Amino acid sequence: MDFLKDIQFKDWLSLVNLLTPVMLYVAKKYIEDIVKKVKEEIEKAIEDLENKLKQDHNKVNDKVNEIERRVLIIETNYSNKNESIERIESNIEKLFDKIEELKNDIYRNNR
């Protein structure tokens, strides 16, 4: 350690000037490695998010299809019920017409 005491200030500056490029190169490589790792992690996270988005999109599409199917069933049932009601109304009208005819026949026959 005695040799450190004998080094003059200008020699220290020369040593720092020699070591600075090496230290900067090491620091640059270290930072590049960190940036590369962070970039890879970000790309992986983006890929994971895209996959999750696709899965969610598929789930939403499945739900929409299920809702559309249910709506179609409800519309069909509604139409069938309306047709049934119309048939019932028509049959009731026919029955009233028949009753009216029978009433008229009975009235004629009683005269």
Protein backbone atom coordinates (compact mmCIF):
# COMPACT_ATOMS: atom_id res chain seq x y z
CA MET A 1 0.00 0.00 0.00
CA ASP A 2 3.01 2.23 0.24
CA PHE A 3 3.06 2.56 -3.54
CA LEU A 4 -0.32 4.35 -3.37
CA LYS A 5 1.22 7.01 -1.16
CA ASP A 6 3.94 7.68 -3.67
CA ILE A 7 1.56 8.29 -6.59
CA GLN A 8 1.22 11.92 -7.48
CA PHE A 9 -2.02 13.64 -8.40
CA LYS A 10 -1.22 13.75 -12.13
CA ASP A 11 -0.56 9.99 -12.02
CA TRP A 12 -3.98 9.50 -10.41
CA LEU A 13 -5.54 11.53 -13.19
CA SER A 14 -3.72 9.45 -15.79
CA LEU A 15 -4.94 6.26 -14.11
CA VAL A 16 -8.52 7.59 -14.05
CA ASN A 17 -8.19 8.57 -17.73
CA LEU A 18 -7.06 5.04 -18.54
CA LEU A 19 -9.79 3.34 -16.51
CA THR A 20 -12.69 5.60 -17.56
CA PRO A 21 -13.23 4.05 -21.03
CA VAL A 22 -13.11 0.55 -19.53
CA MET A 23 -15.58 1.48 -16.80
CA LEU A 24 -17.86 3.19 -19.33
CA TYR A 25 -17.74 0.10 -21.57
CA VAL A 26 -18.60 -2.19 -18.64
CA ALA A 27 -21.40 0.15 -17.55
CA LYS A 28 -22.74 0.33 -21.12
CA LYS A 29 -22.77 -3.48 -21.44
CA TYR A 30 -24.48 -3.80 -18.05
CA ILE A 31 -27.15 -1.26 -19.04
CA GLU A 32 -27.63 -2.95 -22.44
CA ASP A 33 -28.16 -6.30 -20.69
CA ILE A 34 -30.73 -4.74 -18.36
CA VAL A 35 -32.51 -3.04 -21.27
CA LYS A 36 -32.51 -6.32 -23.23
CA LYS A 37 -34.02 -8.22 -20.28
CA VAL A 38 -36.65 -5.52 -19.69
CA LYS A 39 -37.51 -5.50 -23.41
CA GLU A 40 -37.94 -9.29 -23.38
CA GLU A 41 -40.15 -9.10 -20.30
CA ILE A 42 -42.27 -6.35 -21.89
CA GLU A 43 -42.63 -8.38 -25.10
CA LYS A 44 -43.65 -11.45 -23.06
CA ALA A 45 -46.15 -9.37 -21.08
CA ILE A 46 -47.61 -7.95 -24.30
CA GLU A 47 -47.89 -11.46 -25.76
CA ASP A 48 -49.59 -12.70 -22.57
CA LEU A 49 -52.01 -9.75 -22.70
CA GLU A 50 -52.79 -10.43 -26.37
CA ASN A 51 -53.50 -14.08 -25.57
CA LYS A 52 -55.71 -13.08 -22.65
CA LEU A 53 -57.51 -10.57 -24.88
CA LYS A 54 -58.14 -13.29 -27.49
CA GLN A 55 -59.50 -15.61 -24.80
CA ASP A 56 -61.73 -12.85 -23.42
CA HIS A 57 -62.88 -12.01 -26.95
CA ASN A 58 -63.79 -15.66 -27.54
CA LYS A 59 -65.67 -15.78 -24.24
CA VAL A 60 -67.58 -12.61 -25.14
CA ASN A 61 -68.43 -14.03 -28.57
CA ASP A 62 -69.66 -17.24 -26.94
CA LYS A 63 -71.85 -15.23 -24.55
CA VAL A 64 -73.21 -13.10 -27.41
CA ASN A 65 -74.01 -16.23 -29.42
CA GLU A 66 -75.76 -17.76 -26.42
CA ILE A 67 -77.81 -14.58 -25.90
CA GLU A 68 -78.72 -14.46 -29.60
CA ARG A 69 -79.80 -18.11 -29.43
CA ARG A 70 -81.97 -17.41 -26.38
CA VAL A 71 -83.51 -14.35 -28.04
CA LEU A 72 -84.32 -16.43 -31.11
CA ILE A 73 -85.96 -19.07 -28.92
CA ILE A 74 -87.97 -16.39 -27.12
CA GLU A 75 -89.03 -14.81 -30.43
CA THR A 76 -90.04 -18.22 -31.77
CA ASN A 77 -92.02 -18.99 -28.63
CA TYR A 78 -93.68 -15.58 -28.81
CA SER A 79 -94.59 -16.13 -32.46
CA ASN A 80 -95.93 -19.60 -31.69
CA LYS A 81 -98.00 -18.23 -28.82
CA ASN A 82 -99.37 -15.45 -31.02
CA GLU A 83 -100.27 -17.99 -33.69
CA SER A 84 -101.93 -20.16 -31.05
CA ILE A 85 -103.88 -17.20 -29.70
CA GLU A 86 -104.96 -16.26 -33.23
CA ARG A 87 -106.11 -19.84 -33.86
CA ILE A 88 -108.01 -19.88 -30.58
CA GLU A 89 -109.65 -16.55 -31.41
CA SER A 90 -110.58 -17.85 -34.85
CA ASN A 91 -112.01 -21.02 -33.35
CA ILE A 92 -114.02 -18.99 -30.83
CA GLU A 93 -115.41 -16.85 -33.66
CA LYS A 94 -116.35 -20.01 -35.57
CA LEU A 95 -118.02 -21.38 -32.44
CA PHE A 96 -120.02 -18.18 -32.02
CA ASP A 97 -121.02 -18.35 -35.67
CA LYS A 98 -122.11 -21.96 -35.20
CA ILE A 99 -124.03 -21.03 -32.07
CA GLU A 100 -125.72 -18.23 -33.99
CA GLU A 101 -126.59 -20.63 -36.80
CA LEU A 102 -127.94 -23.15 -34.32
CA LYS A 103 -129.97 -20.45 -32.63
CA ASN A 104 -131.42 -19.44 -35.97
CA ASP A 105 -132.16 -23.07 -36.84
CA ILE A 106 -133.87 -23.59 -33.51
CA TYR A 107 -135.86 -20.38 -33.93
CA ARG A 108 -136.95 -21.43 -37.43
CA ASN A 109 -137.83 -24.89 -36.30
CA ASN A 110 -139.89 -23.57 -33.39
CA ARG A 111 -142.02 -21.36 -35.63
